[in-house]
PDB file of N, CA and C in Angstrom:
ATOM      1  N   UNK A   1      71.479 188.694 168.133  1.00  0.00           N
ATOM      2  CA  UNK A   1      70.404 188.667 167.216  1.00  0.00           C
ATOM      3  C   UNK A   1      70.803 189.196 165.960  1.00  0.00           C
ATOM      4  N   UNK A   2      71.478 190.167 165.926  1.00  0.00           N
ATOM      5  CA  UNK A   2      71.815 190.957 164.670  1.00  0.00           C
ATOM      6  C   UNK A   2      72.803 190.038 164.007  1.00  0.00           C
ATOM      7  N   UNK A   3      73.717 189.240 164.782  1.00  0.00           N
ATOM      8  CA  UNK A   3      74.498 188.413 163.942  1.00  0.00           C
ATOM      9  C   UNK A   3      73.732 187.170 163.368  1.00  0.00           C
ATOM     10  N   UNK A   4      72.557 186.679 163.844  1.00  0.00           N
ATOM     11  CA  UNK A   4      71.782 185.836 163.346  1.00  0.00           C
ATOM     12  C   UNK A   4      71.199 186.262 162.250  1.00  0.00           C
ATOM     13  N   UNK A   5      70.558 187.354 162.172  1.00  0.00           N
ATOM     14  CA  UNK A   5      69.991 187.915 160.805  1.00  0.00           C
ATOM     15  C   UNK A   5      71.316 188.190 159.585  1.00  0.00           C
ATOM     16  N   UNK A   6      72.260 188.597 160.018  1.00  0.00           N
ATOM     17  CA  UNK A   6      73.229 188.576 158.989  1.00  0.00           C
ATOM     18  C   UNK A   6      73.656 187.128 158.494  1.00  0.00           C
ATOM     19  N   UNK A   7      73.588 186.122 159.540  1.00  0.00           N
ATOM     20  CA  UNK A   7      73.967 184.660 158.892  1.00  0.00           C
ATOM     21  C   UNK A   7      72.905 184.206 157.970  1.00  0.00           C
ATOM     22  N   UNK A   8      71.666 184.600 158.287  1.00  0.00           N
ATOM     23  CA  UNK A   8      70.523 184.264 157.589  1.00  0.00           C
ATOM     24  C   UNK A   8      70.549 184.908 156.105  1.00  0.00           C
ATOM     25  N   UNK A   9      70.875 186.173 156.057  1.00  0.00           N
ATOM     26  CA  UNK A   9      71.037 186.976 154.750  1.00  0.00           C
ATOM     27  C   UNK A   9      72.078 186.348 154.003  1.00  0.00           C
ATOM     28  N   UNK A  10      73.318 186.035 154.756  1.00  0.00           N
ATOM     29  CA  UNK A  10      74.542 185.329 153.956  1.00  0.00           C
ATOM     30  C   UNK A  10      74.097 184.067 153.277  1.00  0.00           C
ATOM     31  N   UNK A  11      73.327 183.210 154.064  1.00  0.00           N
ATOM     32  CA  UNK A  11      72.891 182.155 153.511  1.00  0.00           C
ATOM     33  C   UNK A  11      71.896 182.265 152.321  1.00  0.00           C
ATOM     34  N   UNK A  12      71.029 183.132 152.490  1.00  0.00           N
ATOM     35  CA  UNK A  12      70.032 183.579 151.343  1.00  0.00           C
ATOM     36  C   UNK A  12      70.919 183.981 150.177  1.00  0.00           C
ATOM     37  N   UNK A  13      71.899 184.676 150.318  1.00  0.00           N
ATOM     38  CA  UNK A  13      72.801 185.172 149.340  1.00  0.00           C
ATOM     39  C   UNK A  13      73.449 184.008 148.519  1.00  0.00           C
ATOM     40  N   UNK A  14      73.962 183.069 149.537  1.00  0.00           N
ATOM     41  CA  UNK A  14      74.536 181.810 149.067  1.00  0.00           C
ATOM     42  C   UNK A  14      73.680 181.056 148.077  1.00  0.00           C
ATOM     43  N   UNK A  15      72.412 180.936 148.427  1.00  0.00           N
ATOM     44  CA  UNK A  15      71.333 180.307 147.897  1.00  0.00           C
ATOM     45  C   UNK A  15      70.824 181.041 146.496  1.00  0.00           C
ATOM     46  N   UNK A  16      70.862 182.382 146.536  1.00  0.00           N
ATOM     47  CA  UNK A  16      70.517 182.993 145.184  1.00  0.00           C
ATOM     48  C   UNK A  16      71.651 182.947 144.394  1.00  0.00           C
ATOM     49  N   UNK A  17      72.813 182.827 144.824  1.00  0.00           N
ATOM     50  CA  UNK A  17      74.040 182.601 143.862  1.00  0.00           C
ATOM     51  C   UNK A  17      73.986 181.283 143.053  1.00  0.00           C
ATOM     52  N   UNK A  18      73.502 180.222 143.798  1.00  0.00           N
ATOM     53  CA  UNK A  18      73.106 178.831 143.156  1.00  0.00           C
ATOM     54  C   UNK A  18      72.177 178.967 142.148  1.00  0.00           C
ATOM     55  N   UNK A  19      71.052 179.714 142.601  1.00  0.00           N
ATOM     56  CA  UNK A  19      70.001 179.876 141.558  1.00  0.00           C
ATOM     57  C   UNK A  19      70.529 180.669 140.372  1.00  0.00           C
ATOM     58  N   UNK A  20      71.185 181.618 140.389  1.00  0.00           N
ATOM     59  CA  UNK A  20      71.851 182.400 139.471  1.00  0.00           C
ATOM     60  C   UNK A  20      72.694 181.735 138.456  1.00  0.00           C
ATOM     61  N   UNK A  21      73.458 180.977 139.082  1.00  0.00           N
ATOM     62  CA  UNK A  21      74.346 179.919 138.161  1.00  0.00           C
ATOM     63  C   UNK A  21      73.630 178.942 137.603  1.00  0.00           C
ATOM     64  N   UNK A  22      72.631 178.279 138.080  1.00  0.00           N
ATOM     65  CA  UNK A  22      71.728 177.557 137.361  1.00  0.00           C
ATOM     66  C   UNK A  22      71.002 178.109 136.167  1.00  0.00           C
ATOM     67  N   UNK A  23      70.505 179.443 136.289  1.00  0.00           N
ATOM     68  CA  UNK A  23      69.647 180.190 135.473  1.00  0.00           C
ATOM     69  C   UNK A  23      70.715 180.394 134.162  1.00  0.00           C
ATOM     70  N   UNK A  24      71.941 180.870 134.657  1.00  0.00           N
ATOM     71  CA  UNK A  24      72.828 181.189 133.574  1.00  0.00           C
ATOM     72  C   UNK A  24      73.108 180.036 132.778  1.00  0.00           C
ATOM     73  N   UNK A  25      73.206 178.863 133.308  1.00  0.00           N
ATOM     74  CA  UNK A  25      73.530 177.683 132.508  1.00  0.00           C
ATOM     75  C   UNK A  25      72.133 177.417 131.377  1.00  0.00           C
ATOM     76  N   UNK A  26      71.038 177.452 132.047  1.00  0.00           N
ATOM     77  CA  UNK A  26      69.953 177.337 131.243  1.00  0.00           C
ATOM     78  C   UNK A  26      69.647 178.490 129.981  1.00  0.00           C
ATOM     79  N   UNK A  27      70.066 179.721 130.332  1.00  0.00           N
ATOM     80  CA  UNK A  27      70.235 180.687 129.342  1.00  0.00           C
ATOM     81  C   UNK A  27      71.191 180.326 128.392  1.00  0.00           C
ATOM     82  N   UNK A  28      72.596 179.794 128.659  1.00  0.00           N
ATOM     83  CA  UNK A  28      73.403 179.318 127.405  1.00  0.00           C
ATOM     84  C   UNK A  28      72.856 178.298 126.791  1.00  0.00           C
ATOM     85  N   UNK A  29      72.333 177.379 127.270  1.00  0.00           N
ATOM     86  CA  UNK A  29      71.921 175.980 126.554  1.00  0.00           C
ATOM     87  C   UNK A  29      70.676 176.023 125.991  1.00  0.00           C
ATOM     88  N   UNK A  30      69.724 177.256 126.237  1.00  0.00           N
ATOM     89  CA  UNK A  30      68.386 177.082 125.718  1.00  0.00           C
ATOM     90  C   UNK A  30      68.179 177.361 124.325  1.00  0.00           C
ATOM     91  N   UNK A  31      69.189 177.865 123.658  1.00  0.00           N
ATOM     92  CA  UNK A  31      68.983 178.265 122.318  1.00  0.00           C
ATOM     93  C   UNK A  31      69.678 177.331 121.300  1.00  0.00           C
ATOM     94  N   UNK A  32      70.549 176.514 121.896  1.00  0.00           N
ATOM     95  CA  UNK A  32      71.298 175.651 121.029  1.00  0.00           C
ATOM     96  C   UNK A  32      70.446 175.008 119.821  1.00  0.00           C
ATOM     97  N   UNK A  33      69.091 174.581 120.267  1.00  0.00           N
ATOM     98  CA  UNK A  33      68.287 173.993 119.252  1.00  0.00           C
ATOM     99  C   UNK A  33      67.641 174.760 118.167  1.00  0.00           C
ATOM    100  N   UNK A  34      67.822 176.214 118.330  1.00  0.00           N
ATOM    101  CA  UNK A  34      67.083 177.216 117.579  1.00  0.00           C
ATOM    102  C   UNK A  34      67.948 177.089 116.039  1.00  0.00           C
ATOM    103  N   UNK A  35      69.294 177.629 116.208  1.00  0.00           N
ATOM    104  CA  UNK A  35      69.900 177.647 114.944  1.00  0.00           C
ATOM    105  C   UNK A  35      69.756 176.422 113.956  1.00  0.00           C
ATOM    106  N   UNK A  36      69.953 175.132 114.730  1.00  0.00           N
ATOM    107  CA  UNK A  36      69.671 174.002 113.844  1.00  0.00           C
ATOM    108  C   UNK A  36      68.392 173.769 113.078  1.00  0.00           C
ATOM    109  N   UNK A  37      67.295 174.213 113.811  1.00  0.00           N
ATOM    110  CA  UNK A  37      66.005 173.984 113.129  1.00  0.00           C
ATOM    111  C   UNK A  37      65.933 175.119 112.071  1.00  0.00           C
ATOM    112  N   UNK A  38      66.332 176.400 112.228  1.00  0.00           N
ATOM    113  CA  UNK A  38      66.434 177.332 111.272  1.00  0.00           C
ATOM    114  C   UNK A  38      67.243 176.722 109.862  1.00  0.00           C
ATOM    115  N   UNK A  39      68.336 176.446 110.143  1.00  0.00           N
ATOM    116  CA  UNK A  39      69.247 175.986 109.225  1.00  0.00           C
ATOM    117  C   UNK A  39      68.563 174.733 108.437  1.00  0.00           C
ATOM    118  N   UNK A  40      68.098 173.891 109.032  1.00  0.00           N
ATOM    119  CA  UNK A  40      67.622 172.710 108.451  1.00  0.00           C
ATOM    120  C   UNK A  40      66.168 172.967 107.354  1.00  0.00           C
ATOM    121  N   UNK A  41      65.549 174.058 108.250  1.00  0.00           N
ATOM    122  CA  UNK A  41      64.350 174.538 107.432  1.00  0.00           C
ATOM    123  C   UNK A  41      64.811 175.480 105.950  1.00  0.00           C
ATOM    124  N   UNK A  42      65.796 176.296 106.355  1.00  0.00           N
ATOM    125  CA  UNK A  42      66.305 177.028 105.157  1.00  0.00           C
ATOM    126  C   UNK A  42      67.098 176.202 103.940  1.00  0.00           C
ATOM    127  N   UNK A  43      67.600 175.150 104.456  1.00  0.00           N
ATOM    128  CA  UNK A  43      68.440 174.060 103.529  1.00  0.00           C
ATOM    129  C   UNK A  43      67.233 173.199 102.606  1.00  0.00           C
ATOM    130  N   UNK A  44      65.977 173.085 103.383  1.00  0.00           N
ATOM    131  CA  UNK A  44      64.884 172.446 102.776  1.00  0.00           C
ATOM    132  C   UNK A  44      64.361 173.345 101.751  1.00  0.00           C
ATOM    133  N   UNK A  45      64.057 174.555 101.978  1.00  0.00           N
ATOM    134  CA  UNK A  45      63.403 175.296 101.111  1.00  0.00           C
ATOM    135  C   UNK A  45      64.476 176.005  99.903  1.00  0.00           C
ATOM    136  N   UNK A  46      65.714 176.007 100.226  1.00  0.00           N
ATOM    137  CA  UNK A  46      66.624 176.309  99.423  1.00  0.00           C
ATOM    138  C   UNK A  46      66.876 175.201  98.274  1.00  0.00           C
ATOM    139  N   UNK A  47      66.605 173.925  98.821  1.00  0.00           N
ATOM    140  CA  UNK A  47      66.804 173.062  97.735  1.00  0.00           C
ATOM    141  C   UNK A  47      65.521 172.548  97.027  1.00  0.00           C
ATOM    142  N   UNK A  48      64.472 173.161  97.482  1.00  0.00           N
ATOM    143  CA  UNK A  48      62.934 172.791  96.775  1.00  0.00           C
ATOM    144  C   UNK A  48      63.189 173.706  95.465  1.00  0.00           C
ATOM    145  N   UNK A  49      63.099 172.799  94.336  1.00  0.00           N
ATOM    146  CA  UNK A  49      63.114 173.602  93.051  1.00  0.00           C
ATOM    147  C   UNK A  49      61.844 173.893  92.515  1.00  0.00           C
ATOM    148  N   UNK A  50      60.754 173.518  93.182  1.00  0.00           N
ATOM    149  CA  UNK A  50      59.497 173.764  92.585  1.00  0.00           C
ATOM    150  C   UNK A  50      59.001 175.209  92.943  1.00  0.00           C
ATOM    151  N   UNK A  51      59.811 176.163  93.748  1.00  0.00           N
ATOM    152  CA  UNK A  51      59.512 177.195  94.079  1.00  0.00           C
ATOM    153  C   UNK A  51      59.713 178.424  92.949  1.00  0.00           C
ATOM    154  N   UNK A  52      60.698 177.826  91.972  1.00  0.00           N
ATOM    155  CA  UNK A  52      61.010 178.677  90.869  1.00  0.00           C
ATOM    156  C   UNK A  52      61.544 180.139  91.202  1.00  0.00           C
ATOM    157  N   UNK A  53      60.922 181.196  90.838  1.00  0.00           N
ATOM    158  CA  UNK A  53      61.490 182.625  90.995  1.00  0.00           C
ATOM    159  C   UNK A  53      61.633 182.832  92.391  1.00  0.00           C
ATOM    160  N   UNK A  54      61.071 182.204  93.408  1.00  0.00           N
ATOM    161  CA  UNK A  54      61.193 182.560  94.802  1.00  0.00           C
ATOM    162  C   UNK A  54      62.427 182.216  95.302  1.00  0.00           C
ATOM    163  N   UNK A  55      63.263 181.276  94.847  1.00  0.00           N
ATOM    164  CA  UNK A  55      64.562 180.834  95.233  1.00  0.00           C
ATOM    165  C   UNK A  55      65.509 181.826  95.793  1.00  0.00           C
ATOM    166  N   UNK A  56      65.465 182.897  95.131  1.00  0.00           N
ATOM    167  CA  UNK A  56      66.568 184.114  95.561  1.00  0.00           C
ATOM    168  C   UNK A  56      66.012 184.805  96.865  1.00  0.00           C
ATOM    169  N   UNK A  57      64.735 185.051  96.931  1.00  0.00           N
ATOM    170  CA  UNK A  57      63.977 185.618  98.170  1.00  0.00           C
ATOM    171  C   UNK A  57      64.202 184.442  99.361  1.00  0.00           C
ATOM    172  N   UNK A  58      64.105 183.335  99.103  1.00  0.00           N
ATOM    173  CA  UNK A  58      64.249 182.401 100.211  1.00  0.00           C
ATOM    174  C   UNK A  58      65.781 182.393 100.762  1.00  0.00           C
ATOM    175  N   UNK A  59      66.691 182.398  99.927  1.00  0.00           N
ATOM    176  CA  UNK A  59      68.084 182.485 100.175  1.00  0.00           C
ATOM    177  C   UNK A  59      68.494 183.833 100.897  1.00  0.00           C
ATOM    178  N   UNK A  60      67.693 184.942 100.308  1.00  0.00           N
ATOM    179  CA  UNK A  60      68.058 186.066 101.255  1.00  0.00           C
ATOM    180  C   UNK A  60      67.341 186.247 102.625  1.00  0.00           C
ATOM    181  N   UNK A  61      66.260 185.659 102.632  1.00  0.00           N
ATOM    182  CA  UNK A  61      65.475 185.490 103.799  1.00  0.00           C
ATOM    183  C   UNK A  61      66.157 184.686 104.966  1.00  0.00           C
ATOM    184  N   UNK A  62      66.712 183.616 104.255  1.00  0.00           N
ATOM    185  CA  UNK A  62      67.472 182.648 105.098  1.00  0.00           C
ATOM    186  C   UNK A  62      68.687 183.288 105.718  1.00  0.00           C
ATOM    187  N   UNK A  63      69.464 183.948 104.864  1.00  0.00           N
ATOM    188  CA  UNK A  63      70.334 184.875 105.293  1.00  0.00           C
ATOM    189  C   UNK A  63      70.127 185.762 106.613  1.00  0.00           C
ATOM    190  N   UNK A  64      68.880 186.607 106.412  1.00  0.00           N
ATOM    191  CA  UNK A  64      68.656 187.335 107.325  1.00  0.00           C
ATOM    192  C   UNK A  64      68.142 186.640 108.674  1.00  0.00           C
ATOM    193  N   UNK A  65      67.705 185.578 108.635  1.00  0.00           N
ATOM    194  CA  UNK A  65      67.424 184.664 109.810  1.00  0.00           C
ATOM    195  C   UNK A  65      68.494 184.219 110.345  1.00  0.00           C
ATOM    196  N   UNK A  66      69.687 184.018 109.829  1.00  0.00           N
ATOM    197  CA  UNK A  66      70.934 183.319 110.178  1.00  0.00           C
ATOM    198  C   UNK A  66      71.494 184.417 111.016  1.00  0.00           C
ATOM    199  N   UNK A  67      71.360 185.727 110.453  1.00  0.00           N
ATOM    200  CA  UNK A  67      72.056 186.899 111.254  1.00  0.00           C
ATOM    201  C   UNK A  67      71.474 187.178 112.316  1.00  0.00           C
ATOM    202  N   UNK A  68      69.978 186.973 112.374  1.00  0.00           N
ATOM    203  CA  UNK A  68      69.100 187.308 113.473  1.00  0.00           C
ATOM    204  C   UNK A  68      69.263 186.211 114.836  1.00  0.00           C
ATOM    205  N   UNK A  69      69.659 185.105 114.259  1.00  0.00           N
ATOM    206  CA  UNK A  69      69.873 183.844 115.179  1.00  0.00           C
ATOM    207  C   UNK A  69      71.269 184.056 115.857  1.00  0.00           C
ATOM    208  N   UNK A  70      72.092 184.514 114.950  1.00  0.00           N
ATOM    209  CA  UNK A  70      73.575 184.996 115.575  1.00  0.00           C
ATOM    210  C   UNK A  70      73.684 186.023 116.496  1.00  0.00           C
ATOM    211  N   UNK A  71      72.881 186.960 116.300  1.00  0.00           N
ATOM    212  CA  UNK A  71      72.692 188.216 117.203  1.00  0.00           C
ATOM    213  C   UNK A  71      71.851 187.669 118.433  1.00  0.00           C
ATOM    214  N   UNK A  72      70.761 186.843 118.296  1.00  0.00           N
ATOM    215  CA  UNK A  72      70.272 186.173 119.535  1.00  0.00           C
ATOM    216  C   UNK A  72      71.280 185.434 120.123  1.00  0.00           C
ATOM    217  N   UNK A  73      72.014 184.817 119.673  1.00  0.00           N
ATOM    218  CA  UNK A  73      73.033 183.956 120.252  1.00  0.00           C
ATOM    219  C   UNK A  73      74.090 184.696 121.143  1.00  0.00           C
ATOM    220  N   UNK A  74      74.514 185.657 120.536  1.00  0.00           N
ATOM    221  CA  UNK A  74      75.426 186.599 121.063  1.00  0.00           C
ATOM    222  C   UNK A  74      74.702 187.211 122.499  1.00  0.00           C
ATOM    223  N   UNK A  75      73.391 187.568 122.289  1.00  0.00           N
ATOM    224  CA  UNK A  75      72.699 188.217 123.357  1.00  0.00           C
ATOM    225  C   UNK A  75      72.536 187.205 124.651  1.00  0.00           C
ATOM    226  N   UNK A  76      72.423 185.909 124.169  1.00  0.00           N
ATOM    227  CA  UNK A  76      72.409 184.735 125.101  1.00  0.00           C
ATOM    228  C   UNK A  76      73.658 184.487 125.966  1.00  0.00           C
ATOM    229  N   UNK A  77      74.796 184.720 125.207  1.00  0.00           N
ATOM    230  CA  UNK A  77      76.002 184.257 125.803  1.00  0.00           C
ATOM    231  C   UNK A  77      76.279 185.523 126.833  1.00  0.00           C
ATOM    232  N   UNK A  78      75.978 186.908 126.396  1.00  0.00           N
ATOM    233  CA  UNK A  78      76.238 188.143 127.120  1.00  0.00           C
ATOM    234  C   UNK A  78      75.243 187.950 128.598  1.00  0.00           C
ATOM    235  N   UNK A  79      74.163 187.358 128.306  1.00  0.00           N
ATOM    236  CA  UNK A  79      73.133 187.147 129.314  1.00  0.00           C
ATOM    237  C   UNK A  79      73.759 186.330 130.334  1.00  0.00           C
ATOM    238  N   UNK A  80      74.280 185.160 129.968  1.00  0.00           N
ATOM    239  CA  UNK A  80      75.016 183.930 130.727  1.00  0.00           C
ATOM    240  C   UNK A  80      76.160 184.684 131.464  1.00  0.00           C
ATOM    241  N   UNK A  81      77.012 185.404 130.644  1.00  0.00           N
ATOM    242  CA  UNK A  81      78.171 185.985 131.346  1.00  0.00           C
ATOM    243  C   UNK A  81      77.675 186.912 132.547  1.00  0.00           C
ATOM    244  N   UNK A  82      76.826 187.838 132.220  1.00  0.00           N
ATOM    245  CA  UNK A  82      76.315 188.542 133.457  1.00  0.00           C
ATOM    246  C   UNK A  82      75.829 187.941 134.559  1.00  0.00           C
ATOM    247  N   UNK A  83      74.980 187.019 134.162  1.00  0.00           N
ATOM    248  CA  UNK A  83      74.290 186.046 135.512  1.00  0.00           C
ATOM    249  C   UNK A  83      75.471 185.389 136.073  1.00  0.00           C
ATOM    250  N   UNK A  84      76.546 185.018 135.401  1.00  0.00           N
ATOM    251  CA  UNK A  84      77.735 184.251 136.103  1.00  0.00           C
ATOM    252  C   UNK A  84      78.383 185.179 137.060  1.00  0.00           C
ATOM    253  N   UNK A  85      78.538 186.535 136.465  1.00  0.00           N
ATOM    254  CA  UNK A  85      79.168 187.612 137.375  1.00  0.00           C
ATOM    255  C   UNK A  85      78.300 187.607 138.609  1.00  0.00           C
ATOM    256  N   UNK A  86      77.154 187.983 138.411  1.00  0.00           N
ATOM    257  CA  UNK A  86      76.131 188.159 139.737  1.00  0.00           C
ATOM    258  C   UNK A  86      76.239 187.121 140.457  1.00  0.00           C
ATOM    259  N   UNK A  87      76.328 185.882 140.067  1.00  0.00           N
ATOM    260  CA  UNK A  87      76.212 184.631 140.938  1.00  0.00           C
ATOM    261  C   UNK A  87      77.490 184.601 141.665  1.00  0.00           C
ATOM    262  N   UNK A  88      78.690 184.965 141.087  1.00  0.00           N
ATOM    263  CA  UNK A  88      80.059 184.756 141.567  1.00  0.00           C
ATOM    264  C   UNK A  88      80.217 186.051 142.631  1.00  0.00           C
ATOM    265  N   UNK A  89      79.482 187.237 142.402  1.00  0.00           N
ATOM    266  CA  UNK A  89      79.426 188.112 143.322  1.00  0.00           C
ATOM    267  C   UNK A  89      78.698 188.084 144.572  1.00  0.00           C
ATOM    268  N   UNK A  90      77.557 187.497 144.314  1.00  0.00           N
ATOM    269  CA  UNK A  90      76.595 187.144 145.398  1.00  0.00           C
ATOM    270  C   UNK A  90      77.269 186.006 146.365  1.00  0.00           C
ATOM    271  N   UNK A  91      78.056 185.106 145.765  1.00  0.00           N
ATOM    272  CA  UNK A  91      78.710 184.033 146.454  1.00  0.00           C
ATOM    273  C   UNK A  91      79.689 184.481 147.406  1.00  0.00           C
ATOM    274  N   UNK A  92      80.606 185.502 146.731  1.00  0.00           N
ATOM    275  CA  UNK A  92      81.764 186.143 147.427  1.00  0.00           C
ATOM    276  C   UNK A  92      81.090 186.900 148.595  1.00  0.00           C
ATOM    277  N   UNK A  93      80.055 187.557 148.301  1.00  0.00           N
ATOM    278  CA  UNK A  93      79.700 188.513 149.419  1.00  0.00           C
ATOM    279  C   UNK A  93      78.931 187.862 150.599  1.00  0.00           C
ATOM    280  N   UNK A  94      78.102 186.759 150.034  1.00  0.00           N
ATOM    281  CA  UNK A  94      77.608 185.762 151.060  1.00  0.00           C
ATOM    282  C   UNK A  94      78.457 185.155 152.013  1.00  0.00           C
ATOM    283  N   UNK A  95      79.584 184.544 151.229  1.00  0.00           N
ATOM    284  CA  UNK A  95      80.595 183.974 152.088  1.00  0.00           C
ATOM    285  C   UNK A  95      81.529 184.837 153.103  1.00  0.00           C
ATOM    286  N   UNK A  96      81.727 186.125 152.535  1.00  0.00           N
ATOM    287  CA  UNK A  96      82.476 186.947 153.506  1.00  0.00           C
ATOM    288  C   UNK A  96      81.361 187.218 154.515  1.00  0.00           C
ATOM    289  N   UNK A  97      80.261 187.474 154.282  1.00  0.00           N
ATOM    290  CA  UNK A  97      79.150 187.709 155.527  1.00  0.00           C
ATOM    291  C   UNK A  97      79.315 186.616 156.503  1.00  0.00           C
ATOM    292  N   UNK A  98      79.022 185.500 155.963  1.00  0.00           N
ATOM    293  CA  UNK A  98      78.900 184.230 156.716  1.00  0.00           C
ATOM    294  C   UNK A  98      80.407 183.995 157.732  1.00  0.00           C
ATOM    295  N   UNK A  99      81.465 184.283 157.123  1.00  0.00           N
ATOM    296  CA  UNK A  99      82.728 184.142 157.839  1.00  0.00           C
ATOM    297  C   UNK A  99      82.778 185.244 158.853  1.00  0.00           C
ATOM    298  N   UNK A 100      82.388 186.472 158.542  1.00  0.00           N
ATOM    299  CA  UNK A 100      82.397 187.556 159.445  1.00  0.00           C
ATOM    300  C   UNK A 100      81.425 187.315 160.454  1.00  0.00           C
ATOM    301  N   UNK A 101      80.168 186.926 160.142  1.00  0.00           N
ATOM    302  CA  UNK A 101      79.278 186.684 161.174  1.00  0.00           C
ATOM    303  C   UNK A 101      79.700 185.459 162.337  1.00  0.00           C
ATOM    304  N   UNK A 102      80.357 184.686 161.698  1.00  0.00           N
ATOM    305  CA  UNK A 102      80.651 183.526 162.609  1.00  0.00           C
ATOM    306  C   UNK A 102      81.929 183.986 163.500  1.00  0.00           C
ATOM    307  N   UNK A 103      82.667 184.665 163.030  1.00  0.00           N
ATOM    308  CA  UNK A 103      83.918 185.293 163.671  1.00  0.00           C
ATOM    309  C   UNK A 103      83.230 186.335 164.861  1.00  0.00           C
ATOM    310  N   UNK A 104      82.308 186.961 164.464  1.00  0.00           N
ATOM    311  CA  UNK A 104      81.624 187.980 165.431  1.00  0.00           C
ATOM    312  C   UNK A 104      80.899 187.250 166.367  1.00  0.00           C
ATOM    313  N   UNK A 105      80.214 186.077 166.147  1.00  0.00           N
ATOM    314  CA  UNK A 105      79.589 185.276 167.058  1.00  0.00           C
ATOM    315  C   UNK A 105      80.589 184.510 168.010  1.00  0.00           C
ATOM    316  N   UNK A 106      81.793 184.191 167.558  1.00  0.00           N
ATOM    317  CA  UNK A 106      82.714 183.721 168.463  1.00  0.00           C
ATOM    318  C   UNK A 106      83.122 184.679 169.483  1.00  0.00           C
ATOM    319  N   UNK A 107      83.264 186.017 168.913  1.00  0.00           N
ATOM    320  CA  UNK A 107      83.937 187.015 169.789  1.00  0.00           C
ATOM    321  C   UNK A 107      82.833 187.384 170.912  1.00  0.00           C
ATOM    322  N   UNK A 108      81.722 187.293 170.540  1.00  0.00           N
ATOM    323  CA  UNK A 108      80.685 187.539 171.503  1.00  0.00           C
ATOM    324  C   UNK A 108      80.517 186.504 172.686  1.00  0.00           C
ATOM    325  N   UNK A 109      80.857 185.245 172.202  1.00  0.00           N
ATOM    326  CA  UNK A 109      80.544 184.171 173.201  1.00  0.00           C
ATOM    327  C   UNK A 109      81.694 184.101 174.160  1.00  0.00           C
TER     328      UNK A 109
END
Protein backbone atom coordinates (compact mmCIF):
# COMPACT_ATOMS: atom_id res chain seq x y z
CA UNK A 1 0.00 0.00 0.00
CA UNK A 2 2.76 2.45 0.91
CA UNK A 3 4.62 1.60 -2.30
CA UNK A 4 1.51 2.51 -4.29
CA UNK A 5 1.30 5.90 -2.56
CA UNK A 6 4.97 6.52 -3.31
CA UNK A 7 4.38 5.66 -6.97
CA UNK A 8 1.47 8.10 -7.14
CA UNK A 9 3.60 10.78 -5.47
CA UNK A 10 6.42 10.13 -7.95
CA UNK A 11 4.06 10.41 -10.91
CA UNK A 12 2.65 13.66 -9.53
CA UNK A 13 6.18 15.00 -9.15
CA UNK A 14 6.95 14.10 -12.76
CA UNK A 15 3.75 15.84 -13.86
CA UNK A 16 4.61 18.91 -11.79
CA UNK A 17 8.10 18.99 -13.32
CA UNK A 18 6.49 19.14 -16.76
CA UNK A 19 4.24 21.99 -15.64
CA UNK A 20 7.27 23.87 -14.28
CA UNK A 21 9.16 23.35 -17.53
CA UNK A 22 6.25 24.69 -19.59
CA UNK A 23 5.82 27.64 -17.21
CA UNK A 24 9.52 28.45 -17.45
CA UNK A 25 9.24 28.60 -21.24
CA UNK A 26 6.23 30.93 -21.04
CA UNK A 27 8.09 33.16 -18.58
CA UNK A 28 11.05 33.34 -20.93
CA UNK A 29 9.06 34.16 -24.07
CA UNK A 30 6.31 36.32 -22.54
CA UNK A 31 8.32 39.55 -22.49
CA UNK A 32 9.85 39.44 -25.96
CA UNK A 33 7.28 41.81 -27.43
CA UNK A 34 7.55 44.39 -24.65
CA UNK A 35 10.95 45.80 -25.60
CA UNK A 36 10.14 46.20 -29.27
CA UNK A 37 6.90 48.09 -28.56
CA UNK A 38 8.64 50.55 -26.26
CA UNK A 39 11.51 50.92 -28.71
CA UNK A 40 9.09 51.75 -31.54
CA UNK A 41 7.15 54.20 -29.38
CA UNK A 42 10.34 55.93 -28.24
CA UNK A 43 11.63 56.14 -31.79
CA UNK A 44 8.33 57.66 -32.91
CA UNK A 45 8.40 60.22 -30.12
CA UNK A 46 12.08 61.05 -30.61
CA UNK A 47 11.60 61.73 -34.32
CA UNK A 48 8.47 63.82 -33.81
CA UNK A 49 9.80 67.37 -34.28
CA UNK A 50 6.51 69.00 -33.36
CA UNK A 51 7.33 68.50 -29.68
CA UNK A 52 9.92 71.26 -29.62
CA UNK A 53 11.60 71.59 -26.23
CA UNK A 54 10.22 68.28 -24.98
CA UNK A 55 12.57 66.24 -27.19
CA UNK A 56 15.29 66.08 -24.53
CA UNK A 57 12.83 64.90 -21.87
CA UNK A 58 11.45 62.26 -24.23
CA UNK A 59 14.95 60.96 -24.90
CA UNK A 60 15.70 60.77 -21.17
CA UNK A 61 12.38 59.06 -20.46
CA UNK A 62 12.99 56.55 -23.23
CA UNK A 63 16.43 55.80 -21.85
CA UNK A 64 14.92 55.20 -18.40
CA UNK A 65 12.28 52.93 -19.95
CA UNK A 66 14.96 50.94 -21.77
CA UNK A 67 16.84 50.42 -18.50
CA UNK A 68 13.65 49.31 -16.76
CA UNK A 69 12.83 46.86 -19.55
CA UNK A 70 16.38 45.53 -19.42
CA UNK A 71 16.06 44.87 -15.68
CA UNK A 72 12.65 43.25 -16.22
CA UNK A 73 14.13 41.04 -18.91
CA UNK A 74 16.94 39.98 -16.58
CA UNK A 75 14.36 39.13 -13.91
CA UNK A 76 12.46 37.05 -16.46
CA UNK A 77 15.60 35.14 -17.39
CA UNK A 78 16.36 34.52 -13.71
CA UNK A 79 12.79 33.29 -13.19
CA UNK A 80 13.17 30.99 -16.19
CA UNK A 81 16.38 29.53 -14.82
CA UNK A 82 14.95 28.98 -11.34
CA UNK A 83 11.83 27.30 -12.71
CA UNK A 84 14.01 25.12 -14.91
CA UNK A 85 16.10 24.09 -11.89
CA UNK A 86 12.94 23.29 -9.93
CA UNK A 87 11.59 21.27 -12.86
CA UNK A 88 14.85 19.33 -13.11
CA UNK A 89 14.92 18.63 -9.38
CA UNK A 90 11.30 17.47 -9.36
CA UNK A 91 11.95 15.27 -12.38
CA UNK A 92 15.04 13.70 -10.84
CA UNK A 93 13.38 13.16 -7.46
CA UNK A 94 10.20 11.78 -9.01
CA UNK A 95 12.16 9.45 -11.28
CA UNK A 96 14.25 8.18 -8.38
CA UNK A 97 11.11 7.55 -6.31
CA UNK A 98 9.48 5.75 -9.20
CA UNK A 99 12.51 3.50 -9.76
CA UNK A 100 12.81 2.80 -6.04
CA UNK A 101 9.11 2.03 -5.66
CA UNK A 102 9.17 -0.38 -8.60
CA UNK A 103 12.20 -2.14 -7.13
CA UNK A 104 10.49 -2.30 -3.73
CA UNK A 105 7.32 -3.61 -5.35
CA UNK A 106 9.29 -6.39 -7.09
CA UNK A 107 11.03 -7.28 -3.83
CA UNK A 108 7.67 -7.65 -2.08
CA UNK A 109 6.27 -9.89 -4.83
